[in-house]
Amino acid sequence: MHATAIRFALSLLFCGLVLTSSFLPQRSLAEEKKDVPSAVRVILVKAGKMMNEQRYDQAIALLTEFSAGISAGNDAPHPHPEIDFTLGTCYLLRDRFEEARRALDRAVEKDPRHRSAWLNLAKVTYELHDYKRAAECFVNAYDLDPDKNPEHLYFGAVAHLLAQDNAGAVAVFERLLVAHADQVHLEWRENLVHALIGAGESLRALPHIKRLAEESRGDKQVQWQEILLYHYLQLDRDDEALAAAESFCRTLPTETKWWRALAHIHLRHNRYQPALTALLVAGYLEPLSKEESRLVADLYLQLGVPVKAAELYQDILADTKNPQPLTNLVVALQQTGQIDQALAVLDTFATDTLGPELAMLKVGLQNDQSLGRNGRSERSTTF
């Protein structure tokens, strides 16, 4: 079980990010500003009409001409930030991201408090895979937003993740948790966990993983339960791992992975009987692997049930000539008094292939066999 087993495609979070409200020229914003020259207002109205009719190329031409000072009546010696913003938005809508970035960069340089320009610049830099810059833009947009939209902080944190800046993502997520604790969705918390684990903060991630394991549903809940168990064990919190595994077995007793996990936890502490019980339940629900079957046989032998162990070892040896299960099979047969059968098993192998341990075991069995026969002969004569 690995924490990476349920990695999420972070880039998909941005696929649906369309800041439509920011794409259209902020005509009301331009009209409200005191410093917007009349010529700029006229151009913005014309460009806005073209954009609403999806005539983006014409809007780009109009705005570019105005910016160059070619248009008659242009009383602005330098393009106004609203012109740059609207031009950048047009380029963005035409997927001309490099040009959009240059225009929007000019807009925020001239007006650092232009929230819509920061949002569109976040979208552009994301499309250009400049995730570090996208994160900065989203956080700036949040800081300038009087309503403090938590989504902007969230997207900023995820952009840090995409930039492989886990520490930066954690810092933004912490702001999000402090300011909007009741608005953090489960999906957001998932990415917070990825950021914390990526930053080497598994212990801090644990309460969030526990919450996800409790509140998620369906397959996703099972995934987070697996991750929770994995982190309990990685952090040597075996008591909590045991309690969690037992709880999962009770709530979903037909899921074999919980029984296997329960067996693993017991084995970590040499609790052979409950480990065997858990593996047997798993085996009833789903065929065990060869390794698990071998483990069940070893546990039977360890717990003094050589008959069951011998049966399993014989099945295992039908598919392998591994010397360890062969040794254990011979020991199990010896413990049940089946000396002849144990020797018969060894006789299927050439003497020079047995190895020192099995060779010595064979000699001991031959001695036991000889003593047994002598004992029977003596008793027969006396009787």
Protein backbone atom coordinates (compact mmCIF):
# COMPACT_ATOMS: atom_id res chain seq x y z
CA MET A 1 0.00 0.00 0.00
CA HIS A 2 1.47 3.33 -1.00
CA ALA A 3 0.37 6.90 -0.42
CA THR A 4 0.90 7.50 -4.10
CA ALA A 5 -1.67 4.87 -5.00
CA ILE A 6 -4.41 7.42 -5.23
CA ARG A 7 -2.58 10.37 -6.77
CA PHE A 8 -4.97 13.03 -8.22
CA ALA A 9 -4.46 14.69 -11.63
CA LEU A 10 -3.92 18.20 -10.31
CA SER A 11 -3.85 19.76 -13.73
CA LEU A 12 -7.49 18.76 -14.21
CA LEU A 13 -8.43 21.25 -11.52
CA PHE A 14 -7.68 24.05 -13.95
CA CYS A 15 -9.31 22.51 -17.00
CA GLY A 16 -12.69 23.81 -15.89
CA LEU A 17 -11.33 27.14 -14.70
CA VAL A 18 -12.90 29.73 -16.96
CA LEU A 19 -13.02 33.16 -15.45
CA THR A 20 -15.81 34.24 -17.74
CA SER A 21 -16.82 37.16 -15.60
CA SER A 22 -13.31 38.55 -15.94
CA PHE A 23 -13.02 38.02 -19.69
CA LEU A 24 -15.48 40.69 -20.65
CA PRO A 25 -14.32 44.31 -20.44
CA GLN A 26 -15.15 45.78 -17.08
CA ARG A 27 -17.17 48.62 -18.58
CA SER A 28 -18.78 49.56 -15.31
CA LEU A 29 -15.35 49.58 -13.65
CA ALA A 30 -13.96 51.86 -16.36
CA GLU A 31 -16.91 54.18 -16.06
CA GLU A 32 -16.57 54.37 -12.30
CA LYS A 33 -12.89 55.26 -12.36
CA LYS A 34 -12.15 58.94 -12.19
CA ASP A 35 -8.91 58.68 -14.11
CA VAL A 36 -10.28 57.00 -17.25
CA PRO A 37 -10.01 59.49 -20.14
CA SER A 38 -13.07 59.88 -22.30
CA ALA A 39 -11.26 58.48 -25.37
CA VAL A 40 -10.41 55.34 -23.43
CA ARG A 41 -14.03 54.93 -22.38
CA VAL A 42 -15.18 55.21 -25.98
CA ILE A 43 -12.69 52.55 -27.13
CA LEU A 44 -13.64 50.24 -24.28
CA VAL A 45 -17.33 50.47 -25.20
CA LYS A 46 -16.56 49.69 -28.86
CA ALA A 47 -14.24 46.83 -27.95
CA GLY A 48 -16.80 45.48 -25.49
CA LYS A 49 -19.47 45.34 -28.19
CA MET A 50 -17.10 43.45 -30.50
CA MET A 51 -16.20 41.00 -27.74
CA ASN A 52 -19.82 40.34 -26.88
CA GLU A 53 -20.29 39.46 -30.55
CA GLN A 54 -17.15 37.30 -30.41
CA ARG A 55 -15.34 39.52 -32.91
CA TYR A 56 -12.16 39.25 -30.94
CA ASP A 57 -9.74 39.89 -33.80
CA GLN A 58 -11.49 43.15 -34.62
CA ALA A 59 -11.35 44.17 -30.97
CA ILE A 60 -7.63 43.35 -30.90
CA ALA A 61 -7.04 45.49 -33.99
CA LEU A 62 -9.01 48.38 -32.49
CA LEU A 63 -7.21 48.25 -29.16
CA THR A 64 -3.79 47.78 -30.75
CA GLU A 65 -4.36 50.74 -33.06
CA PHE A 66 -5.46 52.85 -30.14
CA SER A 67 -2.46 51.80 -28.07
CA ALA A 68 -0.13 52.79 -30.89
CA GLY A 69 -1.65 56.23 -30.93
CA ILE A 70 -2.85 55.86 -34.54
CA SER A 71 -6.53 56.28 -33.87
CA ALA A 72 -7.81 59.83 -34.33
CA GLY A 73 -8.83 61.54 -31.14
CA ASN A 74 -6.54 59.44 -28.95
CA ASP A 75 -5.72 61.76 -26.08
CA ALA A 76 -3.78 59.17 -24.07
CA PRO A 77 -0.02 59.39 -24.57
CA HIS A 78 0.35 55.88 -23.06
CA PRO A 79 -2.17 53.03 -23.12
CA HIS A 80 -4.44 53.01 -20.09
CA PRO A 81 -4.37 49.81 -17.90
CA GLU A 82 -7.99 49.15 -18.92
CA ILE A 83 -6.87 49.06 -22.54
CA ASP A 84 -4.09 46.61 -21.70
CA PHE A 85 -6.50 44.52 -19.64
CA THR A 86 -9.10 44.35 -22.39
CA LEU A 87 -6.47 43.64 -25.05
CA GLY A 88 -4.98 40.88 -22.90
CA THR A 89 -8.43 39.40 -22.40
CA CYS A 90 -9.03 39.34 -26.16
CA TYR A 91 -5.74 37.58 -26.73
CA LEU A 92 -6.66 35.11 -24.01
CA LEU A 93 -9.98 34.35 -25.66
CA ARG A 94 -8.08 33.68 -28.88
CA ASP A 95 -5.61 31.38 -27.07
CA ARG A 96 -2.75 33.74 -27.91
CA PHE A 97 -1.26 33.32 -24.48
CA GLU A 98 2.14 34.95 -24.88
CA GLU A 99 0.55 38.13 -26.23
CA ALA A 100 -2.10 37.98 -23.53
CA ARG A 101 0.59 37.69 -20.89
CA ARG A 102 2.45 40.76 -22.14
CA ALA A 103 -0.71 42.87 -22.22
CA LEU A 104 -1.91 41.72 -18.80
CA ASP A 105 1.55 42.20 -17.30
CA ARG A 106 1.38 45.81 -18.48
CA ALA A 107 -2.08 46.16 -16.94
CA VAL A 108 -1.04 45.01 -13.45
CA GLU A 109 2.20 46.97 -13.63
CA LYS A 110 0.23 50.17 -14.24
CA ASP A 111 -2.58 49.24 -11.87
CA PRO A 112 -1.40 46.71 -9.23
CA ARG A 113 -4.89 46.68 -7.73
CA HIS A 114 -6.61 45.51 -10.91
CA ARG A 115 -8.15 42.31 -9.55
CA SER A 116 -9.65 41.13 -12.85
CA ALA A 117 -6.32 41.57 -14.62
CA TRP A 118 -4.65 39.44 -11.95
CA LEU A 119 -7.27 36.71 -12.43
CA ASN A 120 -6.90 36.63 -16.19
CA LEU A 121 -3.13 36.73 -15.84
CA ALA A 122 -3.43 33.69 -13.54
CA LYS A 123 -5.29 31.85 -16.28
CA VAL A 124 -2.73 32.87 -18.92
CA THR A 125 0.30 31.88 -16.86
CA TYR A 126 -1.35 28.57 -16.06
CA GLU A 127 -1.83 27.90 -19.77
CA LEU A 128 1.85 28.75 -20.29
CA HIS A 129 2.77 26.29 -17.50
CA ASP A 130 4.22 29.08 -15.41
CA TYR A 131 2.53 27.74 -12.32
CA LYS A 132 4.60 29.70 -9.83
CA ARG A 133 3.46 32.95 -11.42
CA ALA A 134 -0.13 31.66 -11.64
CA ALA A 135 -0.07 30.99 -7.89
CA GLU A 136 1.13 34.53 -7.21
CA CYS A 137 -1.60 35.96 -9.44
CA PHE A 138 -4.38 34.02 -7.74
CA VAL A 139 -3.22 35.08 -4.28
CA ASN A 140 -3.00 38.71 -5.42
CA ALA A 141 -6.54 38.49 -6.78
CA TYR A 142 -7.73 37.10 -3.45
CA ASP A 143 -6.02 39.84 -1.49
CA LEU A 144 -7.68 42.50 -3.66
CA ASP A 145 -11.12 40.93 -3.48
CA PRO A 146 -13.39 42.65 -0.95
CA ASP A 147 -15.48 39.49 -0.81
CA LYS A 148 -12.41 37.26 -0.31
CA ASN A 149 -13.35 34.43 -2.64
CA PRO A 150 -11.79 31.26 -1.11
CA GLU A 151 -11.53 29.64 -4.55
CA HIS A 152 -8.78 32.06 -5.48
CA LEU A 153 -6.65 30.96 -2.54
CA TYR A 154 -7.37 27.34 -3.37
CA PHE A 155 -6.34 27.74 -7.00
CA GLY A 156 -3.23 29.55 -5.81
CA ALA A 157 -2.33 26.62 -3.57
CA VAL A 158 -2.90 24.11 -6.37
CA ALA A 159 -0.78 26.19 -8.74
CA HIS A 160 2.04 25.90 -6.18
CA LEU A 161 1.52 22.15 -6.23
CA LEU A 162 1.77 22.09 -10.01
CA ALA A 163 5.00 24.07 -9.67
CA GLN A 164 6.21 21.35 -7.26
CA ASP A 165 6.43 23.97 -4.55
CA ASN A 166 4.90 22.00 -1.70
CA ALA A 167 5.98 24.45 0.99
CA GLY A 168 4.35 27.32 -0.91
CA ALA A 169 1.17 25.26 -1.35
CA VAL A 170 1.05 24.47 2.38
CA ALA A 171 1.44 28.15 3.26
CA VAL A 172 -1.49 29.15 1.04
CA PHE A 173 -3.61 26.25 2.28
CA GLU A 174 -2.95 27.39 5.85
CA ARG A 175 -4.31 30.82 4.96
CA LEU A 176 -7.34 29.14 3.44
CA LEU A 177 -7.98 27.04 6.55
CA VAL A 178 -7.66 30.03 8.87
CA ALA A 179 -9.87 32.36 6.84
CA HIS A 180 -12.43 29.90 5.41
CA ALA A 181 -12.43 26.80 7.61
CA ASP A 182 -16.12 26.10 6.95
CA GLN A 183 -15.76 26.45 3.18
CA VAL A 184 -12.93 23.97 2.60
CA HIS A 185 -14.35 21.16 0.45
CA LEU A 186 -13.15 17.56 0.72
CA GLU A 187 -11.52 17.86 -2.71
CA TRP A 188 -9.54 20.86 -1.46
CA ARG A 189 -8.45 18.94 1.63
CA GLU A 190 -7.21 16.13 -0.62
CA ASN A 191 -4.73 18.47 -2.26
CA LEU A 192 -3.75 19.89 1.09
CA VAL A 193 -2.77 16.34 2.08
CA HIS A 194 -0.70 15.98 -1.10
CA ALA A 195 1.06 19.25 -0.30
CA LEU A 196 1.79 18.26 3.31
CA ILE A 197 3.11 14.83 2.34
CA GLY A 198 5.20 16.36 -0.43
CA ALA A 199 6.64 18.79 2.10
CA GLY A 200 7.55 15.91 4.43
CA GLU A 201 4.80 16.80 6.90
CA SER A 202 3.08 13.41 7.16
CA LEU A 203 2.26 13.88 10.83
CA ARG A 204 0.48 17.18 10.12
CA ALA A 205 -1.35 15.51 7.25
CA LEU A 206 -2.73 12.76 9.50
CA PRO A 207 -5.82 14.58 10.91
CA HIS A 208 -6.79 15.65 7.37
CA ILE A 209 -6.37 12.09 6.10
CA LYS A 210 -8.52 10.84 8.97
CA ARG A 211 -11.24 13.33 8.11
CA LEU A 212 -11.15 12.31 4.45
CA ALA A 213 -11.37 8.64 5.46
CA GLU A 214 -14.45 9.43 7.55
CA GLU A 215 -16.29 11.83 5.25
CA SER A 216 -15.53 10.56 1.74
CA ARG A 217 -17.87 8.06 0.14
CA GLY A 218 -17.62 5.07 -2.19
CA ASP A 219 -14.31 4.03 -3.70
CA LYS A 220 -12.69 7.28 -2.65
CA GLN A 221 -13.42 6.55 0.99
CA VAL A 222 -11.75 3.14 0.67
CA GLN A 223 -8.73 4.82 -0.90
CA TRP A 224 -8.40 7.29 1.95
CA GLN A 225 -8.87 4.54 4.51
CA GLU A 226 -5.95 2.73 2.90
CA ILE A 227 -3.85 5.87 3.07
CA LEU A 228 -4.80 6.37 6.70
CA LEU A 229 -3.65 2.85 7.61
CA TYR A 230 -0.46 3.31 5.62
CA HIS A 231 0.42 6.51 7.47
CA TYR A 232 -0.44 5.08 10.88
CA LEU A 233 2.03 2.26 10.21
CA GLN A 234 4.67 4.55 8.69
CA LEU A 235 4.46 6.76 11.77
CA ASP A 236 4.59 3.72 14.13
CA ARG A 237 1.14 4.45 15.49
CA ASP A 238 0.21 0.79 15.55
CA ASP A 239 -2.51 1.06 18.20
CA GLU A 240 -4.40 3.53 16.02
CA ALA A 241 -3.72 1.38 12.95
CA LEU A 242 -5.14 -1.66 14.73
CA ALA A 243 -8.26 0.21 15.88
CA ALA A 244 -8.81 1.55 12.36
CA ALA A 245 -8.33 -1.83 10.68
CA GLU A 246 -10.73 -3.51 13.12
CA SER A 247 -13.27 -0.76 12.50
CA PHE A 248 -12.97 -1.15 8.73
CA CYS A 249 -13.39 -4.92 9.05
CA ARG A 250 -16.59 -4.39 11.02
CA THR A 251 -18.09 -1.78 8.70
CA LEU A 252 -17.11 -3.54 5.46
CA PRO A 253 -16.41 -7.18 6.35
CA THR A 254 -16.45 -8.38 2.73
CA GLU A 255 -13.45 -6.21 1.78
CA THR A 256 -10.40 -8.48 1.84
CA LYS A 257 -7.87 -5.66 2.02
CA TRP A 258 -8.95 -4.82 5.57
CA TRP A 259 -8.44 -8.41 6.74
CA ARG A 260 -5.04 -8.48 5.07
CA ALA A 261 -4.13 -5.20 6.72
CA LEU A 262 -5.30 -6.53 10.08
CA ALA A 263 -3.10 -9.61 9.63
CA HIS A 264 -0.13 -7.41 8.76
CA ILE A 265 -0.58 -5.30 11.88
CA HIS A 266 -0.78 -8.37 14.13
CA LEU A 267 2.31 -9.87 12.50
CA ARG A 268 4.29 -6.70 13.27
CA HIS A 269 3.86 -7.64 16.93
CA ASN A 270 4.18 -11.43 16.58
CA ARG A 271 0.51 -11.98 17.39
CA TYR A 272 0.27 -15.16 15.34
CA GLN A 273 -3.19 -16.41 16.24
CA PRO A 274 -5.15 -13.24 15.32
CA ALA A 275 -2.94 -12.82 12.25
CA LEU A 276 -3.84 -16.34 11.12
CA THR A 277 -7.53 -15.73 11.78
CA ALA A 278 -7.50 -12.56 9.70
CA LEU A 279 -5.73 -14.28 6.80
CA LEU A 280 -8.18 -17.20 6.91
CA VAL A 281 -11.12 -14.77 6.67
CA ALA A 282 -9.42 -13.07 3.71
CA GLY A 283 -8.94 -16.48 2.12
CA TYR A 284 -12.64 -17.27 2.42
CA LEU A 285 -13.49 -14.04 0.63
CA GLU A 286 -10.84 -14.22 -2.09
CA PRO A 287 -8.12 -16.70 -3.08
CA LEU A 288 -4.89 -16.01 -1.29
CA SER A 289 -1.67 -15.39 -3.19
CA LYS A 290 1.10 -17.99 -3.09
CA GLU A 291 2.98 -15.86 -0.60
CA GLU A 292 -0.08 -15.56 1.63
CA SER A 293 -0.74 -19.30 1.45
CA ARG A 294 2.84 -19.90 2.48
CA LEU A 295 2.39 -17.46 5.38
CA VAL A 296 -0.76 -19.30 6.53
CA ALA A 297 1.15 -22.59 6.46
CA ASP A 298 4.02 -21.04 8.47
CA LEU A 299 1.54 -19.70 11.02
CA TYR A 300 -0.12 -23.10 11.38
CA LEU A 301 3.30 -24.65 11.99
CA GLN A 302 4.25 -21.93 14.47
CA LEU A 303 0.97 -22.38 16.36
CA GLY A 304 1.37 -26.16 16.62
CA VAL A 305 -1.10 -27.29 13.96
CA PRO A 306 1.28 -29.33 11.76
CA VAL A 307 -1.47 -31.29 9.99
CA LYS A 308 -2.94 -28.14 8.41
CA ALA A 309 0.54 -26.82 7.74
CA ALA A 310 1.56 -30.01 5.93
CA GLU A 311 -1.49 -29.87 3.66
CA LEU A 312 -0.67 -26.34 2.58
CA TYR A 313 3.05 -27.00 2.13
CA GLN A 314 2.26 -29.95 -0.14
CA ASP A 315 0.12 -27.69 -2.33
CA ILE A 316 2.85 -25.07 -2.39
CA LEU A 317 5.53 -27.59 -3.36
CA ALA A 318 3.44 -28.71 -6.31
CA ASP A 319 4.38 -25.39 -7.93
CA THR A 320 7.86 -24.76 -6.55
CA LYS A 321 11.01 -26.52 -5.41
CA ASN A 322 11.91 -23.81 -2.92
CA PRO A 323 13.90 -25.46 -0.12
CA GLN A 324 12.26 -23.51 2.73
CA PRO A 325 8.68 -24.78 2.30
CA LEU A 326 10.20 -28.23 1.67
CA THR A 327 12.00 -28.05 5.00
CA ASN A 328 8.85 -26.88 6.75
CA LEU A 329 6.80 -29.66 5.14
CA VAL A 330 9.26 -32.28 6.37
CA VAL A 331 9.17 -30.76 9.86
CA ALA A 332 5.34 -30.73 9.83
CA LEU A 333 5.21 -34.40 8.76
CA GLN A 334 7.77 -35.26 11.40
CA GLN A 335 5.69 -33.53 14.08
CA THR A 336 2.64 -35.57 13.08
CA GLY A 337 4.65 -38.80 13.24
CA GLN A 338 4.58 -39.35 9.47
CA ILE A 339 8.26 -40.27 9.20
CA ASP A 340 7.86 -42.45 6.10
CA GLN A 341 5.95 -39.72 4.28
CA ALA A 342 8.60 -37.15 5.22
CA LEU A 343 11.36 -39.37 3.84
CA ALA A 344 9.33 -40.04 0.71
CA VAL A 345 9.13 -36.30 0.11
CA LEU A 346 12.90 -35.96 0.51
CA ASP A 347 13.52 -38.95 -1.74
CA THR A 348 11.94 -37.07 -4.63
CA PHE A 349 15.05 -34.86 -4.62
CA ALA A 350 18.57 -35.93 -5.44
CA THR A 351 20.72 -36.12 -2.32
CA ASP A 352 23.24 -33.64 -3.68
CA THR A 353 20.51 -31.03 -4.23
CA LEU A 354 19.11 -31.05 -0.69
CA GLY A 355 21.62 -28.77 0.95
CA PRO A 356 23.14 -29.19 4.42
CA GLU A 357 19.98 -28.49 6.43
CA LEU A 358 17.77 -30.91 4.53
CA ALA A 359 20.54 -33.53 4.36
CA MET A 360 20.90 -33.47 8.15
CA LEU A 361 17.13 -33.57 8.53
CA LYS A 362 17.00 -36.62 6.30
CA VAL A 363 19.62 -38.41 8.37
CA GLY A 364 17.64 -37.65 11.53
CA LEU A 365 14.45 -38.98 9.97
CA GLN A 366 16.20 -42.14 8.87
CA ASN A 367 17.41 -42.64 12.44
CA ASP A 368 13.87 -42.09 13.75
CA GLN A 369 12.56 -44.57 11.21
CA SER A 370 15.18 -47.15 12.19
CA LEU A 371 14.47 -46.72 15.88
CA GLY A 372 10.78 -47.08 15.26
CA ARG A 373 11.23 -50.33 13.36
CA ASN A 374 13.62 -51.73 15.98
CA GLY A 375 11.13 -50.88 18.66
CA ARG A 376 8.40 -52.74 16.84
CA SER A 377 10.69 -55.78 16.30
CA GLU A 378 11.65 -55.96 19.96
CA ARG A 379 8.10 -55.69 21.13
CA SER A 380 7.01 -58.34 18.70
CA THR A 381 9.68 -60.75 19.93
CA THR A 382 8.88 -60.18 23.58
CA PHE A 383 5.18 -60.52 23.07
